C-alpha atoms as a PDB file:
ATOM      1  CA  UNK A   1      40.832  -7.427  31.832  1.00  0.00           C
ATOM      2  CA  UNK A   2      43.615  -9.684  32.076  1.00  0.00           C
ATOM      3  CA  UNK A   3      46.044  -6.484  31.868  1.00  0.00           C
ATOM      4  CA  UNK A   4      43.965  -5.202  34.834  1.00  0.00           C
ATOM      5  CA  UNK A   5      44.468  -8.446  36.860  1.00  0.00           C
ATOM      6  CA  UNK A   6      48.467  -8.627  35.914  1.00  0.00           C
ATOM      7  CA  UNK A   7      49.023  -5.329  37.492  1.00  0.00           C
ATOM      8  CA  UNK A   8      46.784  -5.589  40.571  1.00  0.00           C
ATOM      9  CA  UNK A   9      47.538  -7.387  44.293  1.00  0.00           C
ATOM     10  CA  UNK A  10      46.471 -10.905  44.910  1.00  0.00           C
ATOM     11  CA  UNK A  11      43.423  -9.963  47.386  1.00  0.00           C
ATOM     12  CA  UNK A  12      41.874  -8.105  44.054  1.00  0.00           C
ATOM     13  CA  UNK A  13      42.295 -11.229  42.164  1.00  0.00           C
ATOM     14  CA  UNK A  14      40.915 -13.474  44.641  1.00  0.00           C
ATOM     15  CA  UNK A  15      37.820 -10.887  45.115  1.00  0.00           C
ATOM     16  CA  UNK A  16      37.291 -11.299  41.181  1.00  0.00           C
ATOM     17  CA  UNK A  17      37.744 -15.095  41.074  1.00  0.00           C
ATOM     18  CA  UNK A  18      35.436 -15.365  44.019  1.00  0.00           C
ATOM     19  CA  UNK A  19      32.907 -13.262  43.003  1.00  0.00           C
ATOM     20  CA  UNK A  20      32.680 -15.014  39.363  1.00  0.00           C
ATOM     21  CA  UNK A  21      32.717 -18.251  41.047  1.00  0.00           C
ATOM     22  CA  UNK A  22      29.665 -17.101  43.049  1.00  0.00           C
ATOM     23  CA  UNK A  23      27.822 -15.676  40.455  1.00  0.00           C
ATOM     24  CA  UNK A  24      28.202 -19.207  38.010  1.00  0.00           C
ATOM     25  CA  UNK A  25      26.917 -20.922  41.099  1.00  0.00           C
ATOM     26  CA  UNK A  26      23.971 -18.746  41.433  1.00  0.00           C
ATOM     27  CA  UNK A  27      23.156 -18.411  37.456  1.00  0.00           C
ATOM     28  CA  UNK A  28      23.619 -22.532  37.615  1.00  0.00           C
ATOM     29  CA  UNK A  29      21.237 -23.088  40.427  1.00  0.00           C
ATOM     30  CA  UNK A  30      18.669 -20.828  38.829  1.00  0.00           C
ATOM     31  CA  UNK A  31      18.458 -22.830  35.736  1.00  0.00           C
ATOM     32  CA  UNK A  32      15.766 -25.570  35.478  1.00  0.00           C
ATOM     33  CA  UNK A  33      16.641 -28.814  33.454  1.00  0.00           C
ATOM     34  CA  UNK A  34      15.027 -28.578  29.917  1.00  0.00           C
ATOM     35  CA  UNK A  35      15.546 -32.023  28.624  1.00  0.00           C
ATOM     36  CA  UNK A  36      14.976 -35.548  30.270  1.00  0.00           C
ATOM     37  CA  UNK A  37      12.797 -38.114  31.711  1.00  0.00           C
ATOM     38  CA  UNK A  38      10.639 -37.186  34.510  1.00  0.00           C
ATOM     39  CA  UNK A  39       8.491 -39.059  37.130  1.00  0.00           C
ATOM     40  CA  UNK A  40       5.548 -37.117  39.008  1.00  0.00           C
ATOM     41  CA  UNK A  41       3.221 -38.244  41.912  1.00  0.00           C
ATOM     42  CA  UNK A  42       0.200 -35.822  41.925  1.00  0.00           C
ATOM     43  CA  UNK A  43      -2.401 -36.058  44.549  1.00  0.00           C
ATOM     44  CA  UNK A  44      -5.773 -34.741  45.331  1.00  0.00           C
ATOM     45  CA  UNK A  45      -8.859 -35.111  47.134  1.00  0.00           C
ATOM     46  CA  UNK A  46     -12.523 -35.864  45.935  1.00  0.00           C
ATOM     47  CA  UNK A  47     -16.124 -35.673  47.068  1.00  0.00           C
ATOM     48  CA  UNK A  48     -19.415 -37.217  45.757  1.00  0.00           C
ATOM     49  CA  UNK A  49     -22.799 -36.722  46.925  1.00  0.00           C
ATOM     50  CA  UNK A  50     -24.232 -40.277  48.079  1.00  0.00           C
ATOM     51  CA  UNK A  51     -28.007 -41.220  48.591  1.00  0.00           C
ATOM     52  CA  UNK A  52     -29.220 -44.397  49.906  1.00  0.00           C
ATOM     53  CA  UNK A  53     -32.484 -45.939  51.694  1.00  0.00           C
ATOM     54  CA  UNK A  54     -32.522 -47.676  54.808  1.00  0.00           C
ATOM     55  CA  UNK A  55     -35.304 -49.155  57.218  1.00  0.00           C
ATOM     56  CA  UNK A  56     -35.800 -49.738  60.807  1.00  0.00           C
ATOM     57  CA  UNK A  57     -38.570 -51.088  62.892  1.00  0.00           C
ATOM     58  CA  UNK A  58     -39.446 -47.439  63.959  1.00  0.00           C
ATOM     59  CA  UNK A  59     -39.237 -45.875  60.567  1.00  0.00           C
ATOM     60  CA  UNK A  60     -39.444 -48.315  57.721  1.00  0.00           C
ATOM     61  CA  UNK A  61     -38.148 -46.112  55.065  1.00  0.00           C
ATOM     62  CA  UNK A  62     -35.371 -43.629  55.741  1.00  0.00           C
ATOM     63  CA  UNK A  63     -33.666 -41.630  53.019  1.00  0.00           C
ATOM     64  CA  UNK A  64     -30.170 -40.696  53.903  1.00  0.00           C
ATOM     65  CA  UNK A  65     -28.056 -37.835  51.914  1.00  0.00           C
ATOM     66  CA  UNK A  66     -24.543 -37.782  52.580  1.00  0.00           C
ATOM     67  CA  UNK A  67     -20.888 -37.337  51.122  1.00  0.00           C
ATOM     68  CA  UNK A  68     -18.406 -39.727  50.314  1.00  0.00           C
ATOM     69  CA  UNK A  69     -14.880 -38.325  50.315  1.00  0.00           C
ATOM     70  CA  UNK A  70     -11.748 -40.070  49.050  1.00  0.00           C
ATOM     71  CA  UNK A  71      -8.304 -39.834  47.810  1.00  0.00           C
ATOM     72  CA  UNK A  72      -6.895 -39.638  44.384  1.00  0.00           C
ATOM     73  CA  UNK A  73      -3.375 -40.484  43.183  1.00  0.00           C
ATOM     74  CA  UNK A  74      -1.471 -39.815  39.970  1.00  0.00           C
ATOM     75  CA  UNK A  75       1.426 -41.325  39.485  1.00  0.00           C
ATOM     76  CA  UNK A  76       3.043 -40.132  35.944  1.00  0.00           C
ATOM     77  CA  UNK A  77       6.128 -40.651  33.527  1.00  0.00           C
ATOM     78  CA  UNK A  78       7.215 -38.724  30.617  1.00  0.00           C
ATOM     79  CA  UNK A  79      10.086 -37.084  28.844  1.00  0.00           C
ATOM     80  CA  UNK A  80      10.918 -33.310  28.755  1.00  0.00           C
ATOM     81  CA  UNK A  81      11.657 -32.981  24.797  1.00  0.00           C
ATOM     82  CA  UNK A  82      12.316 -29.224  25.060  1.00  0.00           C
ATOM     83  CA  UNK A  83      11.436 -25.985  27.335  1.00  0.00           C
ATOM     84  CA  UNK A  84       7.929 -26.151  25.904  1.00  0.00           C
ATOM     85  CA  UNK A  85       7.004 -29.551  25.276  1.00  0.00           C
ATOM     86  CA  UNK A  86       6.876 -32.990  27.045  1.00  0.00           C
ATOM     87  CA  UNK A  87       4.941 -36.078  26.478  1.00  0.00           C
ATOM     88  CA  UNK A  88       4.147 -38.806  29.346  1.00  0.00           C
ATOM     89  CA  UNK A  89       1.602 -41.451  30.741  1.00  0.00           C
ATOM     90  CA  UNK A  90      -0.289 -41.278  33.917  1.00  0.00           C
ATOM     91  CA  UNK A  91      -2.693 -43.635  35.506  1.00  0.00           C
ATOM     92  CA  UNK A  92      -5.086 -41.765  38.004  1.00  0.00           C
ATOM     93  CA  UNK A  93      -6.445 -43.848  41.037  1.00  0.00           C
ATOM     94  CA  UNK A  94      -9.624 -43.072  42.947  1.00  0.00           C
ATOM     95  CA  UNK A  95     -11.094 -44.882  45.405  1.00  0.00           C
ATOM     96  CA  UNK A  96     -14.586 -43.445  46.017  1.00  0.00           C
ATOM     97  CA  UNK A  97     -15.786 -46.484  48.441  1.00  0.00           C
ATOM     98  CA  UNK A  98     -14.790 -49.859  48.931  1.00  0.00           C
ATOM     99  CA  UNK A  99     -16.904 -51.287  46.182  1.00  0.00           C
ATOM    100  CA  UNK A 100     -16.530 -48.125  43.593  1.00  0.00           C
ATOM    101  CA  UNK A 101     -12.950 -47.360  42.400  1.00  0.00           C
ATOM    102  CA  UNK A 102     -12.336 -45.367  39.337  1.00  0.00           C
ATOM    103  CA  UNK A 103      -8.846 -45.931  37.389  1.00  0.00           C
ATOM    104  CA  UNK A 104      -8.072 -43.533  34.519  1.00  0.00           C
ATOM    105  CA  UNK A 105      -5.104 -44.325  32.079  1.00  0.00           C
ATOM    106  CA  UNK A 106      -4.061 -41.166  30.434  1.00  0.00           C
ATOM    107  CA  UNK A 107      -1.419 -40.548  27.493  1.00  0.00           C
ATOM    108  CA  UNK A 108      -0.642 -36.505  27.285  1.00  0.00           C
ATOM    109  CA  UNK A 109       1.051 -34.054  25.914  1.00  0.00           C
ATOM    110  CA  UNK A 110       2.192 -30.887  27.922  1.00  0.00           C
ATOM    111  CA  UNK A 111       2.979 -27.497  26.197  1.00  0.00           C
ATOM    112  CA  UNK A 112       4.671 -25.076  28.780  1.00  0.00           C
ATOM    113  CA  UNK A 113       3.541 -21.697  27.049  1.00  0.00           C
ATOM    114  CA  UNK A 114       4.904 -19.254  29.723  1.00  0.00           C
ATOM    115  CA  UNK A 115       8.306 -19.256  31.537  1.00  0.00           C
ATOM    116  CA  UNK A 116       8.112 -16.178  34.042  1.00  0.00           C
ATOM    117  CA  UNK A 117      11.513 -17.012  36.176  1.00  0.00           C
ATOM    118  CA  UNK A 118      11.098 -20.433  37.844  1.00  0.00           C
ATOM    119  CA  UNK A 119       7.311 -20.761  36.910  1.00  0.00           C
ATOM    120  CA  UNK A 120       5.743 -22.591  34.056  1.00  0.00           C
ATOM    121  CA  UNK A 121       2.538 -22.141  33.121  1.00  0.00           C
ATOM    122  CA  UNK A 122       1.138 -25.024  31.018  1.00  0.00           C
ATOM    123  CA  UNK A 123      -1.618 -27.184  29.243  1.00  0.00           C
ATOM    124  CA  UNK A 124      -1.814 -31.001  29.443  1.00  0.00           C
ATOM    125  CA  UNK A 125      -3.450 -32.146  26.024  1.00  0.00           C
ATOM    126  CA  UNK A 126      -5.066 -35.837  27.111  1.00  0.00           C
ATOM    127  CA  UNK A 127      -7.168 -38.486  25.740  1.00  0.00           C
ATOM    128  CA  UNK A 128      -8.034 -40.761  28.947  1.00  0.00           C
ATOM    129  CA  UNK A 129      -9.577 -44.374  29.132  1.00  0.00           C
ATOM    130  CA  UNK A 130     -11.604 -44.624  31.967  1.00  0.00           C
ATOM    131  CA  UNK A 131     -12.912 -48.142  34.245  1.00  0.00           C
ATOM    132  CA  UNK A 132     -15.295 -47.295  36.490  1.00  0.00           C
ATOM    133  CA  UNK A 133     -17.999 -50.035  38.068  1.00  0.00           C
ATOM    134  CA  UNK A 134     -16.972 -52.424  35.629  1.00  0.00           C
ATOM    135  CA  UNK A 135     -17.766 -49.872  32.562  1.00  0.00           C
ATOM    136  CA  UNK A 136     -15.375 -48.185  29.948  1.00  0.00           C
ATOM    137  CA  UNK A 137     -15.562 -44.547  29.521  1.00  0.00           C
ATOM    138  CA  UNK A 138     -13.173 -41.944  27.416  1.00  0.00           C
ATOM    139  CA  UNK A 139     -12.719 -38.420  27.736  1.00  0.00           C
ATOM    140  CA  UNK A 140     -10.231 -36.003  25.644  1.00  0.00           C
ATOM    141  CA  UNK A 141      -9.536 -32.209  26.487  1.00  0.00           C
ATOM    142  CA  UNK A 142      -6.836 -30.021  28.334  1.00  0.00           C
ATOM    143  CA  UNK A 143      -5.992 -29.836  31.953  1.00  0.00           C
ATOM    144  CA  UNK A 144      -4.403 -26.688  32.771  1.00  0.00           C
ATOM    145  CA  UNK A 145      -1.770 -26.198  35.138  1.00  0.00           C
ATOM    146  CA  UNK A 146       1.657 -24.448  36.609  1.00  0.00           C
ATOM    147  CA  UNK A 147       4.838 -25.353  38.240  1.00  0.00           C
ATOM    148  CA  UNK A 148       7.304 -23.928  40.102  1.00  0.00           C
ATOM    149  CA  UNK A 149      11.036 -25.069  39.986  1.00  0.00           C
ATOM    150  CA  UNK A 150      12.552 -25.644  43.560  1.00  0.00           C
ATOM    151  CA  UNK A 151      16.190 -27.071  41.774  1.00  0.00           C
ATOM    152  CA  UNK A 152      17.575 -28.135  38.656  1.00  0.00           C
ATOM    153  CA  UNK A 153      15.763 -31.308  39.215  1.00  0.00           C
ATOM    154  CA  UNK A 154      12.687 -31.014  41.433  1.00  0.00           C
ATOM    155  CA  UNK A 155       9.352 -29.117  40.803  1.00  0.00           C
ATOM    156  CA  UNK A 156       5.919 -28.272  42.527  1.00  0.00           C
ATOM    157  CA  UNK A 157       3.161 -28.818  40.475  1.00  0.00           C
ATOM    158  CA  UNK A 158      -0.600 -27.655  40.483  1.00  0.00           C
ATOM    159  CA  UNK A 159      -3.044 -28.585  38.281  1.00  0.00           C
ATOM    160  CA  UNK A 160      -6.859 -27.786  38.226  1.00  0.00           C
ATOM    161  CA  UNK A 161      -9.672 -27.852  35.696  1.00  0.00           C
ATOM    162  CA  UNK A 162     -10.726 -30.000  32.801  1.00  0.00           C
ATOM    163  CA  UNK A 163     -12.038 -28.829  29.554  1.00  0.00           C
ATOM    164  CA  UNK A 164     -13.220 -30.944  26.911  1.00  0.00           C
ATOM    165  CA  UNK A 165     -15.194 -34.049  26.013  1.00  0.00           C
ATOM    166  CA  UNK A 166     -16.652 -36.795  27.878  1.00  0.00           C
ATOM    167  CA  UNK A 167     -18.047 -40.263  27.278  1.00  0.00           C
ATOM    168  CA  UNK A 168     -21.576 -40.252  25.647  1.00  0.00           C
ATOM    169  CA  UNK A 169     -21.063 -36.305  25.034  1.00  0.00           C
ATOM    170  CA  UNK A 170     -18.475 -37.147  22.386  1.00  0.00           C
ATOM    171  CA  UNK A 171     -21.084 -38.181  20.056  1.00  0.00           C
ATOM    172  CA  UNK A 172     -23.469 -35.307  21.132  1.00  0.00           C
ATOM    173  CA  UNK A 173     -20.803 -33.055  20.229  1.00  0.00           C
ATOM    174  CA  UNK A 174     -20.817 -31.198  23.458  1.00  0.00           C
ATOM    175  CA  UNK A 175     -17.985 -30.123  25.806  1.00  0.00           C
ATOM    176  CA  UNK A 176     -17.771 -29.512  29.804  1.00  0.00           C
ATOM    177  CA  UNK A 177     -15.903 -27.721  31.833  1.00  0.00           C
ATOM    178  CA  UNK A 178     -15.329 -29.689  34.960  1.00  0.00           C
ATOM    179  CA  UNK A 179     -14.225 -28.129  37.990  1.00  0.00           C
ATOM    180  CA  UNK A 180     -14.750 -30.847  40.464  1.00  0.00           C
ATOM    181  CA  UNK A 181     -12.491 -31.070  43.616  1.00  0.00           C
ATOM    182  CA  UNK A 182     -11.098 -34.273  42.112  1.00  0.00           C
ATOM    183  CA  UNK A 183      -9.489 -31.816  39.322  1.00  0.00           C
ATOM    184  CA  UNK A 184      -7.425 -30.026  41.685  1.00  0.00           C
ATOM    185  CA  UNK A 185      -4.092 -31.870  42.494  1.00  0.00           C
ATOM    186  CA  UNK A 186      -0.990 -30.977  43.957  1.00  0.00           C
ATOM    187  CA  UNK A 187       2.419 -32.986  43.194  1.00  0.00           C
ATOM    188  CA  UNK A 188       6.041 -33.044  42.935  1.00  0.00           C
ATOM    189  CA  UNK A 189       8.167 -33.560  39.643  1.00  0.00           C
ATOM    190  CA  UNK A 190      11.557 -34.854  39.320  1.00  0.00           C
ATOM    191  CA  UNK A 191      13.212 -34.688  36.173  1.00  0.00           C
ATOM    192  CA  UNK A 192      16.710 -36.494  35.467  1.00  0.00           C
END
């Protein structure tokens, strides 16, 4: 190759080096960072059925059914150990109603088991401590998700579903599959 370049004109050399430079830039942008600290912000939507009783002069007893809709925000920090493994901690905030807020504290381990191109398919294995209405609860299980690398540092995340144990069900050895809307979250990850 070097002998060929020595014997050819300047335009051929410029073309060759420009092509090499463009190919190396394209390869560098296609790679995602496989190690480092990351921050994530995930958001979602939740909905619960509500029921309450009220009374008026005309109707002494009225039964109301409705839905309480609320936002779910989940900031997270962690460390990407290698292409397959990451570990982190997230806090999930749910403001169902003014007097009913739920906060979930979750350490987790993420396993990226599929890597087609810029996509990652993963499972978060987690144990959560939940604070809701002055009571404490616990759940443990897996939370599947997928990510798409926008560039070397930013990825879009999508998570949905929870399979595991929740609260009193841990003692009874029953598991749950929770497909509630609050389990669907869209987010952004920055790895540095």
